[in-house]
């Protein structure tokens, strides 16, 4: 697996700058097979915030919608298909980038473990 990161920025009409981070993972055919076999696609690798109280009724639905629109979340499917994340400043973008690198490392470990089911692995110590 290779993690591909691309940093961009764009300016609005008002002169505000938005920083963009594009993330994508290039998987080997064996890794793609493991994602499919173990149904890993919906697994969340990174989430900026988590919702503590989902609420109920119409107000709860409105708050969940607002939360989903402003939250940053990256799943394995997002990583495999590529995802663009917009950040308000460069510090936030770099923090998100670091978290995604850590999550991708963990994901790679999951893929390695998945390829060794039904067999054995020799580890030199």
N, C-alpha and C. Protein backbone atom coordinates (compact mmCIF):
# COMPACT_ATOMS: atom_id res chain seq x y z
N UNK A 1 0.84 -1.18 0.00
CA UNK A 1 0.00 0.00 0.00
C UNK A 1 0.89 1.24 0.00
N UNK A 2 0.48 2.20 -0.80
CA UNK A 2 1.12 3.50 -0.78
C UNK A 2 0.07 4.55 -0.46
N UNK A 3 0.41 5.47 0.44
CA UNK A 3 -0.47 6.58 0.78
C UNK A 3 -0.03 7.79 -0.03
N UNK A 4 -0.95 8.34 -0.82
CA UNK A 4 -0.67 9.50 -1.65
C UNK A 4 -1.35 10.71 -1.02
N UNK A 5 -0.56 11.75 -0.75
CA UNK A 5 -1.09 12.99 -0.17
C UNK A 5 -0.78 14.14 -1.13
N UNK A 6 -1.76 15.00 -1.32
CA UNK A 6 -1.57 16.18 -2.15
C UNK A 6 -2.16 17.37 -1.41
N UNK A 7 -1.36 18.43 -1.28
CA UNK A 7 -1.80 19.65 -0.61
C UNK A 7 -2.10 20.71 -1.65
N UNK A 8 -3.22 21.39 -1.48
CA UNK A 8 -3.61 22.50 -2.35
C UNK A 8 -4.21 23.61 -1.50
N UNK A 9 -4.45 24.73 -2.14
CA UNK A 9 -5.17 25.81 -1.48
C UNK A 9 -6.01 26.52 -2.53
N UNK A 10 -7.08 27.13 -2.06
CA UNK A 10 -7.92 27.91 -2.95
C UNK A 10 -8.37 29.16 -2.22
N UNK A 11 -8.58 30.20 -2.98
CA UNK A 11 -9.03 31.48 -2.43
C UNK A 11 -10.48 31.72 -2.82
N UNK A 12 -11.22 32.32 -1.90
CA UNK A 12 -12.61 32.67 -2.18
C UNK A 12 -12.65 34.09 -2.73
N UNK A 13 -13.84 34.53 -3.11
CA UNK A 13 -14.02 35.90 -3.61
C UNK A 13 -13.64 36.94 -2.56
N UNK A 14 -13.79 36.56 -1.29
CA UNK A 14 -13.48 37.50 -0.21
C UNK A 14 -12.00 37.50 0.17
N UNK A 15 -11.23 36.63 -0.47
CA UNK A 15 -9.80 36.57 -0.20
C UNK A 15 -9.41 35.56 0.86
N UNK A 16 -10.39 34.87 1.45
CA UNK A 16 -10.08 33.84 2.43
C UNK A 16 -9.46 32.63 1.73
N UNK A 17 -8.48 32.03 2.38
CA UNK A 17 -7.82 30.86 1.82
C UNK A 17 -8.32 29.61 2.53
N UNK A 18 -8.65 28.60 1.75
CA UNK A 18 -9.02 27.29 2.27
C UNK A 18 -7.93 26.32 1.85
N UNK A 19 -7.48 25.52 2.79
CA UNK A 19 -6.43 24.54 2.52
C UNK A 19 -7.08 23.19 2.25
N UNK A 20 -6.58 22.51 1.24
CA UNK A 20 -7.14 21.23 0.85
C UNK A 20 -6.08 20.15 0.96
N UNK A 21 -6.50 19.01 1.47
CA UNK A 21 -5.65 17.85 1.54
C UNK A 21 -6.37 16.73 0.81
N UNK A 22 -5.74 16.22 -0.25
CA UNK A 22 -6.29 15.09 -0.97
C UNK A 22 -5.53 13.85 -0.55
N UNK A 23 -6.26 12.83 -0.12
CA UNK A 23 -5.65 11.58 0.34
C UNK A 23 -6.18 10.42 -0.49
N UNK A 24 -5.28 9.49 -0.77
CA UNK A 24 -5.67 8.30 -1.54
C UNK A 24 -4.66 7.20 -1.24
N UNK A 25 -5.14 5.98 -1.19
CA UNK A 25 -4.25 4.83 -0.99
C UNK A 25 -4.26 3.99 -2.25
N UNK A 26 -3.08 3.62 -2.69
CA UNK A 26 -2.95 2.68 -3.81
C UNK A 26 -2.72 1.31 -3.20
N UNK A 27 -3.66 0.39 -3.44
CA UNK A 27 -3.59 -0.95 -2.87
C UNK A 27 -3.18 -1.96 -3.91
N UNK A 28 -2.50 -3.00 -3.45
CA UNK A 28 -2.18 -4.12 -4.32
C UNK A 28 -3.47 -4.93 -4.54
N UNK A 29 -3.50 -5.78 -5.55
CA UNK A 29 -4.70 -6.62 -5.74
C UNK A 29 -5.02 -7.47 -4.50
N UNK A 30 -4.00 -7.97 -3.81
CA UNK A 30 -4.23 -8.78 -2.61
C UNK A 30 -4.86 -7.93 -1.50
N UNK A 31 -4.39 -6.69 -1.36
CA UNK A 31 -4.95 -5.80 -0.34
C UNK A 31 -6.40 -5.44 -0.67
N UNK A 32 -6.69 -5.17 -1.95
CA UNK A 32 -8.07 -4.91 -2.36
C UNK A 32 -8.97 -6.10 -2.06
N UNK A 33 -8.44 -7.29 -2.29
CA UNK A 33 -9.20 -8.50 -2.01
C UNK A 33 -9.52 -8.62 -0.52
N UNK A 34 -8.55 -8.28 0.33
CA UNK A 34 -8.78 -8.34 1.79
C UNK A 34 -9.83 -7.33 2.21
N UNK A 35 -9.80 -6.13 1.65
CA UNK A 35 -10.81 -5.10 1.96
C UNK A 35 -12.19 -5.63 1.63
N UNK A 36 -12.30 -6.28 0.47
CA UNK A 36 -13.58 -6.82 0.03
C UNK A 36 -14.00 -8.03 0.88
N UNK A 37 -13.10 -8.97 1.08
CA UNK A 37 -13.40 -10.19 1.83
C UNK A 37 -13.86 -9.90 3.25
N UNK A 38 -13.16 -9.00 3.92
CA UNK A 38 -13.46 -8.71 5.32
C UNK A 38 -14.38 -7.50 5.50
N UNK A 39 -14.91 -6.99 4.38
CA UNK A 39 -15.87 -5.88 4.40
C UNK A 39 -15.36 -4.71 5.27
N UNK A 40 -14.17 -4.25 4.95
CA UNK A 40 -13.53 -3.19 5.72
C UNK A 40 -13.88 -1.79 5.24
N UNK A 41 -14.51 -1.66 4.09
CA UNK A 41 -14.72 -0.36 3.44
C UNK A 41 -15.37 0.71 4.29
N UNK A 42 -16.33 0.35 5.12
CA UNK A 42 -17.05 1.35 5.92
C UNK A 42 -16.34 1.69 7.22
N UNK A 43 -15.27 0.98 7.54
CA UNK A 43 -14.52 1.24 8.78
C UNK A 43 -13.92 2.64 8.75
N UNK A 44 -14.13 3.38 9.82
CA UNK A 44 -13.64 4.76 9.91
C UNK A 44 -12.20 4.75 10.40
N UNK A 45 -11.32 5.38 9.62
CA UNK A 45 -9.92 5.49 9.99
C UNK A 45 -9.63 6.76 10.77
N UNK A 46 -10.35 7.82 10.43
CA UNK A 46 -10.12 9.12 11.08
C UNK A 46 -11.44 9.86 11.18
N UNK A 47 -11.68 10.47 12.33
CA UNK A 47 -12.85 11.31 12.52
C UNK A 47 -12.43 12.48 13.41
N UNK A 48 -12.67 13.69 12.92
CA UNK A 48 -12.25 14.88 13.65
C UNK A 48 -12.98 14.99 14.98
N UNK A 49 -14.28 14.85 14.97
CA UNK A 49 -15.10 14.94 16.17
C UNK A 49 -16.02 13.73 16.23
N UNK A 50 -16.46 13.41 17.44
CA UNK A 50 -17.46 12.36 17.59
C UNK A 50 -18.69 12.96 18.27
N UNK A 51 -19.84 12.49 17.87
CA UNK A 51 -21.09 13.01 18.42
C UNK A 51 -21.41 12.26 19.71
N UNK A 52 -21.52 12.99 20.79
CA UNK A 52 -21.78 12.38 22.09
C UNK A 52 -23.27 12.10 22.25
N UNK A 53 -24.11 13.10 22.01
CA UNK A 53 -25.56 12.95 22.15
C UNK A 53 -26.21 13.12 20.79
N UNK A 54 -26.79 12.05 20.26
CA UNK A 54 -27.40 12.08 18.93
C UNK A 54 -28.72 12.86 18.92
N UNK A 55 -29.30 13.09 20.07
CA UNK A 55 -30.57 13.81 20.12
C UNK A 55 -31.70 12.96 19.59
N UNK A 56 -32.90 13.53 19.63
CA UNK A 56 -34.06 12.80 19.11
C UNK A 56 -35.00 13.78 18.44
N UNK A 57 -35.87 13.23 17.65
CA UNK A 57 -36.88 14.05 16.98
C UNK A 57 -36.28 14.95 15.91
N UNK A 58 -37.01 15.99 15.58
CA UNK A 58 -36.62 16.91 14.53
C UNK A 58 -35.36 17.69 14.89
N UNK A 59 -35.26 18.12 16.13
CA UNK A 59 -34.07 18.85 16.57
C UNK A 59 -32.83 17.96 16.52
N UNK A 60 -32.97 16.71 16.92
CA UNK A 60 -31.86 15.76 16.85
C UNK A 60 -31.42 15.52 15.43
N UNK A 61 -32.40 15.38 14.51
CA UNK A 61 -32.08 15.17 13.10
C UNK A 61 -31.34 16.38 12.53
N UNK A 62 -31.78 17.58 12.90
CA UNK A 62 -31.12 18.80 12.42
C UNK A 62 -29.70 18.90 12.96
N UNK A 63 -29.52 18.56 14.23
CA UNK A 63 -28.17 18.65 14.81
C UNK A 63 -27.25 17.59 14.21
N UNK A 64 -27.76 16.40 13.91
CA UNK A 64 -26.94 15.36 13.26
C UNK A 64 -26.55 15.79 11.86
N UNK A 65 -27.46 16.41 11.14
CA UNK A 65 -27.16 16.89 9.78
C UNK A 65 -26.08 17.97 9.83
N UNK A 66 -26.22 18.91 10.74
CA UNK A 66 -25.22 19.97 10.88
C UNK A 66 -23.86 19.39 11.28
N UNK A 67 -23.86 18.42 12.17
CA UNK A 67 -22.62 17.78 12.59
C UNK A 67 -21.94 17.09 11.42
N UNK A 68 -22.71 16.32 10.64
CA UNK A 68 -22.15 15.59 9.50
C UNK A 68 -21.61 16.52 8.43
N UNK A 69 -22.21 17.69 8.28
CA UNK A 69 -21.74 18.65 7.27
C UNK A 69 -20.42 19.31 7.68
N UNK A 70 -20.19 19.45 8.98
CA UNK A 70 -18.99 20.16 9.44
C UNK A 70 -17.88 19.22 9.92
N UNK A 71 -18.18 17.96 10.13
CA UNK A 71 -17.19 17.03 10.64
C UNK A 71 -16.33 16.46 9.51
N UNK A 72 -15.11 16.11 9.82
CA UNK A 72 -14.23 15.46 8.87
C UNK A 72 -14.13 14.00 9.26
N UNK A 73 -14.41 13.11 8.32
CA UNK A 73 -14.35 11.69 8.56
C UNK A 73 -13.74 11.01 7.34
N UNK A 74 -12.86 10.03 7.57
CA UNK A 74 -12.23 9.30 6.47
C UNK A 74 -12.37 7.80 6.75
N UNK A 75 -13.05 7.12 5.84
CA UNK A 75 -13.21 5.67 5.95
C UNK A 75 -12.21 4.98 5.02
N UNK A 76 -12.15 3.67 5.11
CA UNK A 76 -11.27 2.92 4.21
C UNK A 76 -11.70 3.13 2.77
N UNK A 77 -13.02 3.12 2.50
CA UNK A 77 -13.51 3.39 1.14
C UNK A 77 -13.04 4.77 0.66
N UNK A 78 -13.10 5.77 1.54
CA UNK A 78 -12.63 7.12 1.19
C UNK A 78 -11.16 7.08 0.81
N UNK A 79 -10.38 6.36 1.58
CA UNK A 79 -8.95 6.29 1.33
C UNK A 79 -8.66 5.56 0.02
N UNK A 80 -9.38 4.49 -0.24
CA UNK A 80 -9.17 3.72 -1.47
C UNK A 80 -9.61 4.51 -2.70
N UNK A 81 -10.73 5.22 -2.59
CA UNK A 81 -11.27 5.96 -3.74
C UNK A 81 -10.73 7.38 -3.83
N UNK A 82 -10.09 7.85 -2.78
CA UNK A 82 -9.57 9.22 -2.73
C UNK A 82 -10.59 10.15 -2.11
N UNK A 83 -10.10 11.09 -1.31
CA UNK A 83 -10.99 12.04 -0.66
C UNK A 83 -10.28 13.38 -0.52
N UNK A 84 -11.03 14.46 -0.71
CA UNK A 84 -10.52 15.81 -0.51
C UNK A 84 -11.08 16.35 0.80
N UNK A 85 -10.18 16.84 1.63
CA UNK A 85 -10.55 17.38 2.93
C UNK A 85 -10.20 18.86 2.93
N UNK A 86 -11.16 19.70 3.29
CA UNK A 86 -10.91 21.14 3.35
C UNK A 86 -10.72 21.56 4.80
N UNK A 87 -9.69 22.37 5.02
CA UNK A 87 -9.34 22.83 6.37
C UNK A 87 -9.30 24.34 6.39
N UNK A 88 -9.58 24.91 7.55
CA UNK A 88 -9.63 26.37 7.68
C UNK A 88 -8.26 27.00 7.72
N UNK A 89 -7.26 26.24 8.19
CA UNK A 89 -5.90 26.80 8.21
C UNK A 89 -4.88 25.68 8.02
N UNK A 90 -3.65 26.09 7.79
CA UNK A 90 -2.60 25.13 7.49
C UNK A 90 -2.27 24.25 8.69
N UNK A 91 -2.40 24.77 9.90
CA UNK A 91 -2.13 23.99 11.10
C UNK A 91 -3.12 22.83 11.21
N UNK A 92 -4.40 23.12 10.96
CA UNK A 92 -5.41 22.06 10.98
C UNK A 92 -5.11 21.03 9.90
N UNK A 93 -4.73 21.49 8.71
CA UNK A 93 -4.43 20.56 7.61
C UNK A 93 -3.28 19.63 7.98
N UNK A 94 -2.23 20.17 8.58
CA UNK A 94 -1.09 19.35 8.96
C UNK A 94 -1.46 18.35 10.07
N UNK A 95 -2.32 18.76 10.99
CA UNK A 95 -2.78 17.86 12.05
C UNK A 95 -3.61 16.72 11.46
N UNK A 96 -4.50 17.04 10.53
CA UNK A 96 -5.31 16.02 9.87
C UNK A 96 -4.40 15.07 9.10
N UNK A 97 -3.44 15.63 8.38
CA UNK A 97 -2.50 14.82 7.61
C UNK A 97 -1.77 13.81 8.52
N UNK A 98 -1.31 14.27 9.66
CA UNK A 98 -0.59 13.40 10.59
C UNK A 98 -1.49 12.29 11.11
N UNK A 99 -2.74 12.63 11.44
CA UNK A 99 -3.69 11.62 11.93
C UNK A 99 -3.99 10.58 10.86
N UNK A 100 -4.11 11.02 9.62
CA UNK A 100 -4.40 10.09 8.53
C UNK A 100 -3.19 9.18 8.28
N UNK A 101 -1.99 9.70 8.39
CA UNK A 101 -0.79 8.86 8.26
C UNK A 101 -0.79 7.76 9.32
N UNK A 102 -1.10 8.12 10.57
CA UNK A 102 -1.17 7.14 11.64
C UNK A 102 -2.25 6.09 11.36
N UNK A 103 -3.42 6.56 10.93
CA UNK A 103 -4.53 5.64 10.63
C UNK A 103 -4.17 4.72 9.47
N UNK A 104 -3.48 5.24 8.46
CA UNK A 104 -3.08 4.43 7.31
C UNK A 104 -2.07 3.36 7.74
N UNK A 105 -1.20 3.70 8.68
CA UNK A 105 -0.24 2.72 9.20
C UNK A 105 -0.97 1.58 9.91
N UNK A 106 -1.97 1.92 10.71
CA UNK A 106 -2.78 0.90 11.38
C UNK A 106 -3.54 0.07 10.35
N UNK A 107 -4.09 0.72 9.33
CA UNK A 107 -4.80 0.02 8.27
C UNK A 107 -3.87 -0.97 7.57
N UNK A 108 -2.64 -0.59 7.32
CA UNK A 108 -1.66 -1.48 6.69
C UNK A 108 -1.41 -2.69 7.58
N UNK A 109 -1.36 -2.50 8.89
CA UNK A 109 -1.17 -3.62 9.81
C UNK A 109 -2.37 -4.57 9.75
N UNK A 110 -3.57 -4.01 9.64
CA UNK A 110 -4.78 -4.83 9.51
C UNK A 110 -4.71 -5.65 8.22
N UNK A 111 -4.30 -5.01 7.13
CA UNK A 111 -4.18 -5.72 5.85
C UNK A 111 -3.15 -6.83 5.94
N UNK A 112 -2.03 -6.58 6.60
CA UNK A 112 -1.00 -7.62 6.76
C UNK A 112 -1.54 -8.80 7.57
N UNK A 113 -2.27 -8.50 8.63
CA UNK A 113 -2.86 -9.57 9.44
C UNK A 113 -3.88 -10.36 8.63
N UNK A 114 -4.66 -9.66 7.82
CA UNK A 114 -5.70 -10.32 7.02
C UNK A 114 -5.11 -11.29 6.01
N UNK A 115 -3.92 -11.00 5.50
CA UNK A 115 -3.32 -11.88 4.50
C UNK A 115 -2.72 -13.14 5.12
N UNK A 116 -2.62 -13.19 6.45
CA UNK A 116 -2.01 -14.35 7.09
C UNK A 116 -3.01 -15.28 7.78
N UNK A 117 -4.31 -15.08 7.56
CA UNK A 117 -5.28 -16.01 8.10
C UNK A 117 -5.20 -17.30 7.31
N UNK A 118 -5.29 -18.41 8.02
CA UNK A 118 -5.24 -19.70 7.35
C UNK A 118 -3.81 -20.16 7.07
N UNK A 119 -2.85 -19.47 7.58
CA UNK A 119 -1.45 -19.83 7.38
C UNK A 119 -0.67 -19.45 8.61
N UNK A 120 0.62 -19.44 8.47
CA UNK A 120 1.45 -19.02 9.60
C UNK A 120 2.47 -18.01 9.14
N UNK A 121 2.96 -17.26 10.09
CA UNK A 121 3.92 -16.22 9.81
C UNK A 121 5.11 -16.43 10.74
N UNK A 122 6.30 -16.43 10.20
CA UNK A 122 7.52 -16.57 11.00
C UNK A 122 8.08 -15.17 11.26
N UNK A 123 8.31 -14.88 12.54
CA UNK A 123 8.80 -13.57 12.92
C UNK A 123 10.17 -13.75 13.56
N UNK A 124 11.20 -13.13 13.00
CA UNK A 124 12.54 -13.21 13.56
C UNK A 124 12.63 -12.26 14.75
N UNK A 125 13.12 -12.78 15.85
CA UNK A 125 13.24 -11.96 17.07
C UNK A 125 14.70 -11.90 17.47
